Amino acid sequence: MKREEFLLKVQRICFDIEKLTEEYGADKVISLVVLGCIEDHHDDGIPRMSAIYNYNIEDKRELDCIVDFVDATWETHDNKPDSYDGLDDLLDGLGIDLE
């Protein structure tokens, strides 16, 4: 499969996610999707990325929440990051309840 074909299919999936988000209620959803392909065959030696992205983030606070979540889940030890007590811990103070 060509890179362009792959990214086009990912873009269609992102459109489906947007549609689903709107149907569910965008005010109830926080999301960030980034998917890219690294191209490392350039004359300057600097890798480049072709990417598709989609997000439903209301403000900087929600962006920080997602970035903190990604950071906390990336830095794992035995599948549980230090000082991370679950999603409730990450959402503490944001007024978001998990059902």
PDB file of N, CA and C in Angstrom:
ATOM      1  N   MET A   1       0.853  -1.174   0.000  1.00  0.00           N
ATOM      2  CA  MET A   1       0.000   0.000   0.000  1.00  0.00           C
ATOM      3  C   MET A   1       0.900   1.238   0.000  1.00  0.00           C
ATOM      4  N   LYS A   2       0.592   2.170  -0.835  1.00  0.00           N
ATOM      5  CA  LYS A   2       1.361   3.403  -0.896  1.00  0.00           C
ATOM      6  C   LYS A   2       1.067   4.276   0.322  1.00  0.00           C
ATOM      7  N   ARG A   3       2.062   5.065   0.693  1.00  0.00           N
ATOM      8  CA  ARG A   3       1.932   5.961   1.842  1.00  0.00           C
ATOM      9  C   ARG A   3       0.728   6.892   1.687  1.00  0.00           C
ATOM     10  N   GLU A   4       0.541   7.439   0.500  1.00  0.00           N
ATOM     11  CA  GLU A   4      -0.568   8.371   0.268  1.00  0.00           C
ATOM     12  C   GLU A   4      -1.912   7.677   0.439  1.00  0.00           C
ATOM     13  N   GLU A   5      -2.001   6.436  -0.045  1.00  0.00           N
ATOM     14  CA  GLU A   5      -3.233   5.663   0.096  1.00  0.00           C
ATOM     15  C   GLU A   5      -3.520   5.376   1.573  1.00  0.00           C
ATOM     16  N   PHE A   6      -2.481   5.024   2.295  1.00  0.00           N
ATOM     17  CA  PHE A   6      -2.611   4.767   3.730  1.00  0.00           C
ATOM     18  C   PHE A   6      -3.125   6.011   4.461  1.00  0.00           C
ATOM     19  N   LEU A   7      -2.489   7.164   4.199  1.00  0.00           N
ATOM     20  CA  LEU A   7      -2.895   8.396   4.873  1.00  0.00           C
ATOM     21  C   LEU A   7      -4.303   8.819   4.473  1.00  0.00           C
ATOM     22  N   LEU A   8      -4.695   8.565   3.234  1.00  0.00           N
ATOM     23  CA  LEU A   8      -6.060   8.870   2.798  1.00  0.00           C
ATOM     24  C   LEU A   8      -7.070   8.023   3.567  1.00  0.00           C
ATOM     25  N   LYS A   9      -6.756   6.744   3.765  1.00  0.00           N
ATOM     26  CA  LYS A   9      -7.648   5.877   4.549  1.00  0.00           C
ATOM     27  C   LYS A   9      -7.730   6.339   6.002  1.00  0.00           C
ATOM     28  N   VAL A  10      -6.599   6.763   6.561  1.00  0.00           N
ATOM     29  CA  VAL A  10      -6.596   7.286   7.929  1.00  0.00           C
ATOM     30  C   VAL A  10      -7.443   8.556   8.006  1.00  0.00           C
ATOM     31  N   GLN A  11      -7.332   9.407   6.983  1.00  0.00           N
ATOM     32  CA  GLN A  11      -8.126  10.638   6.962  1.00  0.00           C
ATOM     33  C   GLN A  11      -9.617  10.319   6.965  1.00  0.00           C
ATOM     34  N   ARG A  12     -10.022   9.307   6.212  1.00  0.00           N
ATOM     35  CA  ARG A  12     -11.439   8.903   6.196  1.00  0.00           C
ATOM     36  C   ARG A  12     -11.883   8.439   7.582  1.00  0.00           C
ATOM     37  N   ILE A  13     -11.022   7.704   8.264  1.00  0.00           N
ATOM     38  CA  ILE A  13     -11.339   7.261   9.623  1.00  0.00           C
ATOM     39  C   ILE A  13     -11.486   8.474  10.544  1.00  0.00           C
ATOM     40  N   CYS A  14     -10.612   9.459  10.385  1.00  0.00           N
ATOM     41  CA  CYS A  14     -10.707  10.682  11.195  1.00  0.00           C
ATOM     42  C   CYS A  14     -12.025  11.406  10.936  1.00  0.00           C
ATOM     43  N   PHE A  15     -12.487  11.420   9.666  1.00  0.00           N
ATOM     44  CA  PHE A  15     -13.787  12.024   9.361  1.00  0.00           C
ATOM     45  C   PHE A  15     -14.903  11.268  10.072  1.00  0.00           C
ATOM     46  N   ASP A  16     -14.796   9.936  10.122  1.00  0.00           N
ATOM     47  CA  ASP A  16     -15.785   9.131  10.834  1.00  0.00           C
ATOM     48  C   ASP A  16     -15.760   9.447  12.332  1.00  0.00           C
ATOM     49  N   ILE A  17     -14.573   9.636  12.877  1.00  0.00           N
ATOM     50  CA  ILE A  17     -14.450   9.998  14.293  1.00  0.00           C
ATOM     51  C   ILE A  17     -15.101  11.355  14.544  1.00  0.00           C
ATOM     52  N   GLU A  18     -14.868  12.320  13.661  1.00  0.00           N
ATOM     53  CA  GLU A  18     -15.500  13.634  13.798  1.00  0.00           C
ATOM     54  C   GLU A  18     -17.018  13.518  13.784  1.00  0.00           C
ATOM     55  N   LYS A  19     -17.530  12.732  12.833  1.00  0.00           N
ATOM     56  CA  LYS A  19     -18.978  12.545  12.719  1.00  0.00           C
ATOM     57  C   LYS A  19     -19.536  11.910  13.984  1.00  0.00           C
ATOM     58  N   LEU A  20     -18.872  10.877  14.483  1.00  0.00           N
ATOM     59  CA  LEU A  20     -19.298  10.218  15.707  1.00  0.00           C
ATOM     60  C   LEU A  20     -19.253  11.175  16.894  1.00  0.00           C
ATOM     61  N   THR A  21     -18.216  11.986  16.955  1.00  0.00           N
ATOM     62  CA  THR A  21     -18.088  12.976  18.025  1.00  0.00           C
ATOM     63  C   THR A  21     -19.251  13.956  17.999  1.00  0.00           C
ATOM     64  N   GLU A  22     -19.600  14.429  16.814  1.00  0.00           N
ATOM     65  CA  GLU A  22     -20.727  15.361  16.686  1.00  0.00           C
ATOM     66  C   GLU A  22     -22.036  14.695  17.078  1.00  0.00           C
ATOM     67  N   GLU A  23     -22.226  13.434  16.700  1.00  0.00           N
ATOM     68  CA  GLU A  23     -23.443  12.701  17.051  1.00  0.00           C
ATOM     69  C   GLU A  23     -23.548  12.496  18.556  1.00  0.00           C
ATOM     70  N   TYR A  24     -22.432  12.174  19.198  1.00  0.00           N
ATOM     71  CA  TYR A  24     -22.434  11.916  20.637  1.00  0.00           C
ATOM     72  C   TYR A  24     -22.574  13.209  21.421  1.00  0.00           C
ATOM     73  N   GLY A  25     -22.007  14.255  20.888  1.00  0.00           N
ATOM     74  CA  GLY A  25     -22.014  15.544  21.571  1.00  0.00           C
ATOM     75  C   GLY A  25     -20.586  16.001  21.792  1.00  0.00           C
ATOM     76  N   ALA A  26     -20.127  16.886  20.940  1.00  0.00           N
ATOM     77  CA  ALA A  26     -18.733  17.323  20.989  1.00  0.00           C
ATOM     78  C   ALA A  26     -18.367  17.903  22.349  1.00  0.00           C
ATOM     79  N   ASP A  27     -19.351  18.434  23.081  1.00  0.00           N
ATOM     80  CA  ASP A  27     -19.066  19.003  24.398  1.00  0.00           C
ATOM     81  C   ASP A  27     -18.764  17.918  25.428  1.00  0.00           C
ATOM     82  N   LYS A  28     -19.006  16.642  25.090  1.00  0.00           N
ATOM     83  CA  LYS A  28     -18.768  15.533  26.010  1.00  0.00           C
ATOM     84  C   LYS A  28     -17.524  14.730  25.646  1.00  0.00           C
ATOM     85  N   VAL A  29     -16.830  15.143  24.583  1.00  0.00           N
ATOM     86  CA  VAL A  29     -15.706  14.367  24.064  1.00  0.00           C
ATOM     87  C   VAL A  29     -14.448  15.218  24.029  1.00  0.00           C
ATOM     88  N   ILE A  30     -13.358  14.634  24.459  1.00  0.00           N
ATOM     89  CA  ILE A  30     -12.045  15.249  24.306  1.00  0.00           C
ATOM     90  C   ILE A  30     -11.203  14.234  23.541  1.00  0.00           C
ATOM     91  N   SER A  31     -10.571  14.678  22.449  1.00  0.00           N
ATOM     92  CA  SER A  31      -9.838  13.717  21.637  1.00  0.00           C
ATOM     93  C   SER A  31      -8.669  14.375  20.914  1.00  0.00           C
ATOM     94  N   LEU A  32      -7.674  13.539  20.642  1.00  0.00           N
ATOM     95  CA  LEU A  32      -6.515  13.948  19.862  1.00  0.00           C
ATOM     96  C   LEU A  32      -6.020  12.723  19.104  1.00  0.00           C
ATOM     97  N   VAL A  33      -5.969  12.833  17.789  1.00  0.00           N
ATOM     98  CA  VAL A  33      -5.475  11.757  16.940  1.00  0.00           C
ATOM     99  C   VAL A  33      -4.373  12.344  16.066  1.00  0.00           C
ATOM    100  N   VAL A  34      -3.208  11.744  16.120  1.00  0.00           N
ATOM    101  CA  VAL A  34      -2.110  12.114  15.229  1.00  0.00           C
ATOM    102  C   VAL A  34      -1.502  10.823  14.716  1.00  0.00           C
ATOM    103  N   LEU A  35      -1.455  10.685  13.415  1.00  0.00           N
ATOM    104  CA  LEU A  35      -0.867   9.501  12.819  1.00  0.00           C
ATOM    105  C   LEU A  35      -0.061   9.946  11.616  1.00  0.00           C
ATOM    106  N   GLY A  36       1.198   9.555  11.601  1.00  0.00           N
ATOM    107  CA  GLY A  36       2.047  10.005  10.510  1.00  0.00           C
ATOM    108  C   GLY A  36       3.020   8.948  10.056  1.00  0.00           C
ATOM    109  N   CYS A  37       3.600   9.213   8.907  1.00  0.00           N
ATOM    110  CA  CYS A  37       4.619   8.357   8.323  1.00  0.00           C
ATOM    111  C   CYS A  37       5.918   9.156   8.258  1.00  0.00           C
ATOM    112  N   ILE A  38       6.980   8.558   8.761  1.00  0.00           N
ATOM    113  CA  ILE A  38       8.289   9.191   8.750  1.00  0.00           C
ATOM    114  C   ILE A  38       8.946   8.952   7.393  1.00  0.00           C
ATOM    115  N   GLU A  39       9.447  10.006   6.820  1.00  0.00           N
ATOM    116  CA  GLU A  39      10.205   9.925   5.569  1.00  0.00           C
ATOM    117  C   GLU A  39      11.639  10.306   5.896  1.00  0.00           C
ATOM    118  N   ASP A  40      12.538   9.361   5.857  1.00  0.00           N
ATOM    119  CA  ASP A  40      13.909   9.662   6.262  1.00  0.00           C
ATOM    120  C   ASP A  40      14.893   9.633   5.096  1.00  0.00           C
ATOM    121  N   HIS A  41      14.397   9.734   3.890  1.00  0.00           N
ATOM    122  CA  HIS A  41      15.270   9.698   2.724  1.00  0.00           C
ATOM    123  C   HIS A  41      15.335  11.068   2.057  1.00  0.00           C
ATOM    124  N   HIS A  42      15.845  12.037   2.779  1.00  0.00           N
ATOM    125  CA  HIS A  42      15.970  13.385   2.235  1.00  0.00           C
ATOM    126  C   HIS A  42      17.438  13.756   2.117  1.00  0.00           C
ATOM    127  N   ASP A  43      17.729  14.639   1.185  1.00  0.00           N
ATOM    128  CA  ASP A  43      19.100  15.066   0.949  1.00  0.00           C
ATOM    129  C   ASP A  43      19.727  15.731   2.169  1.00  0.00           C
ATOM    130  N   ASP A  44      18.928  16.453   2.945  1.00  0.00           N
ATOM    131  CA  ASP A  44      19.469  17.159   4.107  1.00  0.00           C
ATOM    132  C   ASP A  44      19.621  16.262   5.332  1.00  0.00           C
ATOM    133  N   GLY A  45      19.150  15.009   5.254  1.00  0.00           N
ATOM    134  CA  GLY A  45      19.295  14.070   6.362  1.00  0.00           C
ATOM    135  C   GLY A  45      18.303  14.272   7.490  1.00  0.00           C
ATOM    136  N   ILE A  46      17.420  15.249   7.366  1.00  0.00           N
ATOM    137  CA  ILE A  46      16.428  15.534   8.401  1.00  0.00           C
ATOM    138  C   ILE A  46      15.144  14.779   8.071  1.00  0.00           C
ATOM    139  N   PRO A  47      14.695  13.892   8.973  1.00  0.00           N
ATOM    140  CA  PRO A  47      13.454  13.151   8.701  1.00  0.00           C
ATOM    141  C   PRO A  47      12.254  14.096   8.659  1.00  0.00           C
ATOM    142  N   ARG A  48      11.326  13.777   7.818  1.00  0.00           N
ATOM    143  CA  ARG A  48      10.095  14.548   7.715  1.00  0.00           C
ATOM    144  C   ARG A  48       8.927  13.603   7.966  1.00  0.00           C
ATOM    145  N   MET A  49       7.807  14.186   8.376  1.00  0.00           N
ATOM    146  CA  MET A  49       6.647  13.366   8.658  1.00  0.00           C
ATOM    147  C   MET A  49       5.452  13.888   7.871  1.00  0.00           C
ATOM    148  N   SER A  50       4.785  12.986   7.180  1.00  0.00           N
ATOM    149  CA  SER A  50       3.490  13.277   6.579  1.00  0.00           C
ATOM    150  C   SER A  50       2.472  12.789   7.591  1.00  0.00           C
ATOM    151  N   ALA A  51       1.565  13.674   8.020  1.00  0.00           N
ATOM    152  CA  ALA A  51       0.673  13.289   9.113  1.00  0.00           C
ATOM    153  C   ALA A  51      -0.762  13.726   8.861  1.00  0.00           C
ATOM    154  N   ILE A  52      -1.641  12.974   9.457  1.00  0.00           N
ATOM    155  CA  ILE A  52      -3.055  13.300   9.537  1.00  0.00           C
ATOM    156  C   ILE A  52      -3.340  13.549  11.013  1.00  0.00           C
ATOM    157  N   TYR A  53      -4.085  14.590  11.312  1.00  0.00           N
ATOM    158  CA  TYR A  53      -4.435  14.848  12.703  1.00  0.00           C
ATOM    159  C   TYR A  53      -5.882  15.295  12.797  1.00  0.00           C
ATOM    160  N   ASN A  54      -6.441  15.059  13.951  1.00  0.00           N
ATOM    161  CA  ASN A  54      -7.813  15.446  14.241  1.00  0.00           C
ATOM    162  C   ASN A  54      -7.904  15.644  15.737  1.00  0.00           C
ATOM    163  N   TYR A  55      -8.532  16.708  16.146  1.00  0.00           N
ATOM    164  CA  TYR A  55      -8.696  16.889  17.582  1.00  0.00           C
ATOM    165  C   TYR A  55      -9.999  17.601  17.911  1.00  0.00           C
ATOM    166  N   ASN A  56     -10.498  17.298  19.071  1.00  0.00           N
ATOM    167  CA  ASN A  56     -11.655  17.970  19.640  1.00  0.00           C
ATOM    168  C   ASN A  56     -11.235  18.411  21.042  1.00  0.00           C
ATOM    169  N   ILE A  57     -10.659  19.577  21.093  1.00  0.00           N
ATOM    170  CA  ILE A  57     -10.128  20.134  22.334  1.00  0.00           C
ATOM    171  C   ILE A  57     -10.662  21.553  22.450  1.00  0.00           C
ATOM    172  N   GLU A  58     -11.295  21.836  23.578  1.00  0.00           N
ATOM    173  CA  GLU A  58     -11.954  23.125  23.743  1.00  0.00           C
ATOM    174  C   GLU A  58     -10.984  24.263  24.039  1.00  0.00           C
ATOM    175  N   ASP A  59      -9.980  23.993  24.865  1.00  0.00           N
ATOM    176  CA  ASP A  59      -9.092  25.073  25.279  1.00  0.00           C
ATOM    177  C   ASP A  59      -7.725  24.526  25.691  1.00  0.00           C
ATOM    178  N   LYS A  60      -6.844  25.400  26.095  1.00  0.00           N
ATOM    179  CA  LYS A  60      -5.474  25.020  26.473  1.00  0.00           C
ATOM    180  C   LYS A  60      -5.475  24.045  27.647  1.00  0.00           C
ATOM    181  N   ARG A  61      -6.417  24.193  28.548  1.00  0.00           N
ATOM    182  CA  ARG A  61      -6.495  23.293  29.709  1.00  0.00           C
ATOM    183  C   ARG A  61      -6.751  21.851  29.269  1.00  0.00           C
ATOM    184  N   GLU A  62      -7.665  21.671  28.326  1.00  0.00           N
ATOM    185  CA  GLU A  62      -7.930  20.328  27.819  1.00  0.00           C
ATOM    186  C   GLU A  62      -6.729  19.800  27.046  1.00  0.00           C
ATOM    187  N   LEU A  63      -6.065  20.659  26.294  1.00  0.00           N
ATOM    188  CA  LEU A  63      -4.856  20.241  25.584  1.00  0.00           C
ATOM    189  C   LEU A  63      -3.805  19.763  26.576  1.00  0.00           C
ATOM    190  N   ASP A  64      -3.595  20.536  27.638  1.00  0.00           N
ATOM    191  CA  ASP A  64      -2.638  20.138  28.669  1.00  0.00           C
ATOM    192  C   ASP A  64      -3.019  18.808  29.301  1.00  0.00           C
ATOM    193  N   CYS A  65      -4.316  18.584  29.486  1.00  0.00           N
ATOM    194  CA  CYS A  65      -4.806  17.326  30.066  1.00  0.00           C
ATOM    195  C   CYS A  65      -4.420  16.154  29.171  1.00  0.00           C
ATOM    196  N   ILE A  66      -4.637  16.298  27.873  1.00  0.00           N
ATOM    197  CA  ILE A  66      -4.294  15.216  26.948  1.00  0.00           C
ATOM    198  C   ILE A  66      -2.791  15.010  26.889  1.00  0.00           C
ATOM    199  N   VAL A  67      -2.026  16.091  26.830  1.00  0.00           N
ATOM    200  CA  VAL A  67      -0.568  15.967  26.785  1.00  0.00           C
ATOM    201  C   VAL A  67      -0.064  15.296  28.055  1.00  0.00           C
ATOM    202  N   ASP A  68      -0.614  15.677  29.206  1.00  0.00           N
ATOM    203  CA  ASP A  68      -0.226  15.039  30.471  1.00  0.00           C
ATOM    204  C   ASP A  68      -0.577  13.549  30.462  1.00  0.00           C
ATOM    205  N   PHE A  69      -1.747  13.223  29.917  1.00  0.00           N
ATOM    206  CA  PHE A  69      -2.155  11.826  29.831  1.00  0.00           C
ATOM    207  C   PHE A  69      -1.188  11.029  28.961  1.00  0.00           C
ATOM    208  N   VAL A  70      -0.851  11.568  27.790  1.00  0.00           N
ATOM    209  CA  VAL A  70       0.083  10.882  26.894  1.00  0.00           C
ATOM    210  C   VAL A  70       1.434  10.712  27.579  1.00  0.00           C
ATOM    211  N   ASP A  71       1.903  11.757  28.223  1.00  0.00           N
ATOM    212  CA  ASP A  71       3.186  11.701  28.922  1.00  0.00           C
ATOM    213  C   ASP A  71       3.162  10.655  30.035  1.00  0.00           C
ATOM    214  N   ALA A  72       2.102  10.650  30.818  1.00  0.00           N
ATOM    215  CA  ALA A  72       2.010   9.721  31.950  1.00  0.00           C
ATOM    216  C   ALA A  72       1.910   8.277  31.482  1.00  0.00           C
ATOM    217  N   THR A  73       1.187   8.051  30.391  1.00  0.00           N
ATOM    218  CA  THR A  73       1.049   6.680  29.914  1.00  0.00           C
ATOM    219  C   THR A  73       2.267   6.236  29.119  1.00  0.00           C
ATOM    220  N   TRP A  74       3.050   7.171  28.619  1.00  0.00           N
ATOM    221  CA  TRP A  74       4.291   6.836  27.909  1.00  0.00           C
ATOM    222  C   TRP A  74       5.373   6.423  28.892  1.00  0.00           C
ATOM    223  N   GLU A  75       5.493   7.139  29.974  1.00  0.00           N
ATOM    224  CA  GLU A  75       6.527   6.893  30.984  1.00  0.00           C
ATOM    225  C   GLU A  75       6.026   5.843  31.970  1.00  0.00           C
ATOM    226  N   THR A  76       5.905   4.619  31.509  1.00  0.00           N
ATOM    227  CA  THR A  76       5.355   3.567  32.372  1.00  0.00           C
ATOM    228  C   THR A  76       6.452   2.666  32.918  1.00  0.00           C
ATOM    229  N   HIS A  77       6.150   2.146  34.057  1.00  0.00           N
ATOM    230  CA  HIS A  77       6.989   1.127  34.677  1.00  0.00           C
ATOM    231  C   HIS A  77       6.032   0.060  35.167  1.00  0.00           C
ATOM    232  N   ASP A  78       6.170  -1.132  34.662  1.00  0.00           N
ATOM    233  CA  ASP A  78       5.223  -2.210  34.972  1.00  0.00           C
ATOM    234  C   ASP A  78       3.796  -1.793  34.642  1.00  0.00           C
ATOM    235  N   ASN A  79       3.644  -1.099  33.514  1.00  0.00           N
ATOM    236  CA  ASN A  79       2.345  -0.628  33.026  1.00  0.00           C
ATOM    237  C   ASN A  79       1.655   0.362  33.956  1.00  0.00           C
ATOM    238  N   LYS A  80       2.387   0.929  34.896  1.00  0.00           N
ATOM    239  CA  LYS A  80       1.806   1.941  35.759  1.00  0.00           C
ATOM    240  C   LYS A  80       2.862   3.008  36.028  1.00  0.00           C
ATOM    241  N   PRO A  81       2.646   4.230  35.503  1.00  0.00           N
ATOM    242  CA  PRO A  81       3.642   5.270  35.702  1.00  0.00           C
ATOM    243  C   PRO A  81       3.754   5.688  37.166  1.00  0.00           C
ATOM    244  N   ASP A  82       4.925   6.179  37.526  1.00  0.00           N
ATOM    245  CA  ASP A  82       5.117   6.734  38.866  1.00  0.00           C
ATOM    246  C   ASP A  82       4.149   7.883  39.082  1.00  0.00           C
ATOM    247  N   SER A  83       3.633   8.019  40.246  1.00  0.00           N
ATOM    248  CA  SER A  83       2.720   9.072  40.678  1.00  0.00           C
ATOM    249  C   SER A  83       1.467   9.161  39.813  1.00  0.00           C
ATOM    250  N   TYR A  84       1.096   8.070  39.185  1.00  0.00           N
ATOM    251  CA  TYR A  84      -0.109   8.028  38.371  1.00  0.00           C
ATOM    252  C   TYR A  84      -1.048   7.008  38.973  1.00  0.00           C
ATOM    253  N   ASP A  85      -2.217   7.472  39.361  1.00  0.00           N
ATOM    254  CA  ASP A  85      -3.168   6.612  40.049  1.00  0.00           C
ATOM    255  C   ASP A  85      -4.409   6.369  39.201  1.00  0.00           C
ATOM    256  N   GLY A  86      -4.247   6.301  37.903  1.00  0.00           N
ATOM    257  CA  GLY A  86      -5.374   6.050  37.022  1.00  0.00           C
ATOM    258  C   GLY A  86      -5.882   7.322  36.371  1.00  0.00           C
ATOM    259  N   LEU A  87      -6.836   7.163  35.460  1.00  0.00           N
ATOM    260  CA  LEU A  87      -7.382   8.287  34.716  1.00  0.00           C
ATOM    261  C   LEU A  87      -8.053   9.298  35.627  1.00  0.00           C
ATOM    262  N   ASP A  88      -8.690   8.827  36.705  1.00  0.00           N
ATOM    263  CA  ASP A  88      -9.304   9.754  37.646  1.00  0.00           C
ATOM    264  C   ASP A  88      -8.276  10.728  38.207  1.00  0.00           C
ATOM    265  N   ASP A  89      -7.065  10.234  38.466  1.00  0.00           N
ATOM    266  CA  ASP A  89      -5.991  11.078  38.981  1.00  0.00           C
ATOM    267  C   ASP A  89      -5.619  12.157  37.964  1.00  0.00           C
ATOM    268  N   LEU A  90      -5.525  11.785  36.692  1.00  0.00           N
ATOM    269  CA  LEU A  90      -5.169  12.756  35.662  1.00  0.00           C
ATOM    270  C   LEU A  90      -6.255  13.805  35.465  1.00  0.00           C
ATOM    271  N   LEU A  91      -7.511  13.405  35.635  1.00  0.00           N
ATOM    272  CA  LEU A  91      -8.618  14.323  35.408  1.00  0.00           C
ATOM    273  C   LEU A  91      -8.978  15.142  36.639  1.00  0.00           C
ATOM    274  N   ASP A  92      -8.316  14.871  37.755  1.00  0.00           N
ATOM    275  CA  ASP A  92      -8.598  15.582  39.006  1.00  0.00           C
ATOM    276  C   ASP A  92      -8.504  17.082  38.804  1.00  0.00           C
ATOM    277  N   GLY A  93      -9.541  17.791  39.235  1.00  0.00           N
ATOM    278  CA  GLY A  93      -9.548  19.245  39.145  1.00  0.00           C
ATOM    279  C   GLY A  93     -10.109  19.780  37.840  1.00  0.00           C
ATOM    280  N   LEU A  94     -10.425  18.921  36.881  1.00  0.00           N
ATOM    281  CA  LEU A  94     -10.966  19.386  35.616  1.00  0.00           C
ATOM    282  C   LEU A  94     -12.505  19.370  35.590  1.00  0.00           C
ATOM    283  N   GLY A  95     -13.113  18.802  36.620  1.00  0.00           N
ATOM    284  CA  GLY A  95     -14.568  18.732  36.641  1.00  0.00           C
ATOM    285  C   GLY A  95     -15.130  17.683  35.698  1.00  0.00           C
ATOM    286  N   ILE A  96     -14.292  16.694  35.351  1.00  0.00           N
ATOM    287  CA  ILE A  96     -14.720  15.632  34.438  1.00  0.00           C
ATOM    288  C   ILE A  96     -14.860  14.351  35.247  1.00  0.00           C
ATOM    289  N   ASP A  97     -16.048  13.743  35.194  1.00  0.00           N
ATOM    290  CA  ASP A  97     -16.280  12.492  35.902  1.00  0.00           C
ATOM    291  C   ASP A  97     -16.303  11.342  34.909  1.00  0.00           C
ATOM    292  N   LEU A  98     -15.763  10.213  35.321  1.00  0.00           N
ATOM    293  CA  LEU A  98     -15.840   9.010  34.510  1.00  0.00           C
ATOM    294  C   LEU A  98     -17.049   8.210  34.942  1.00  0.00           C
ATOM    295  N   GLU A  99     -17.796   7.728  33.991  1.00  0.00           N
ATOM    296  CA  GLU A  99     -18.993   6.946  34.296  1.00  0.00           C
ATOM    297  C   GLU A  99     -18.708   5.497  34.094  1.00  0.00           C
TER     298      GLU A  99
END
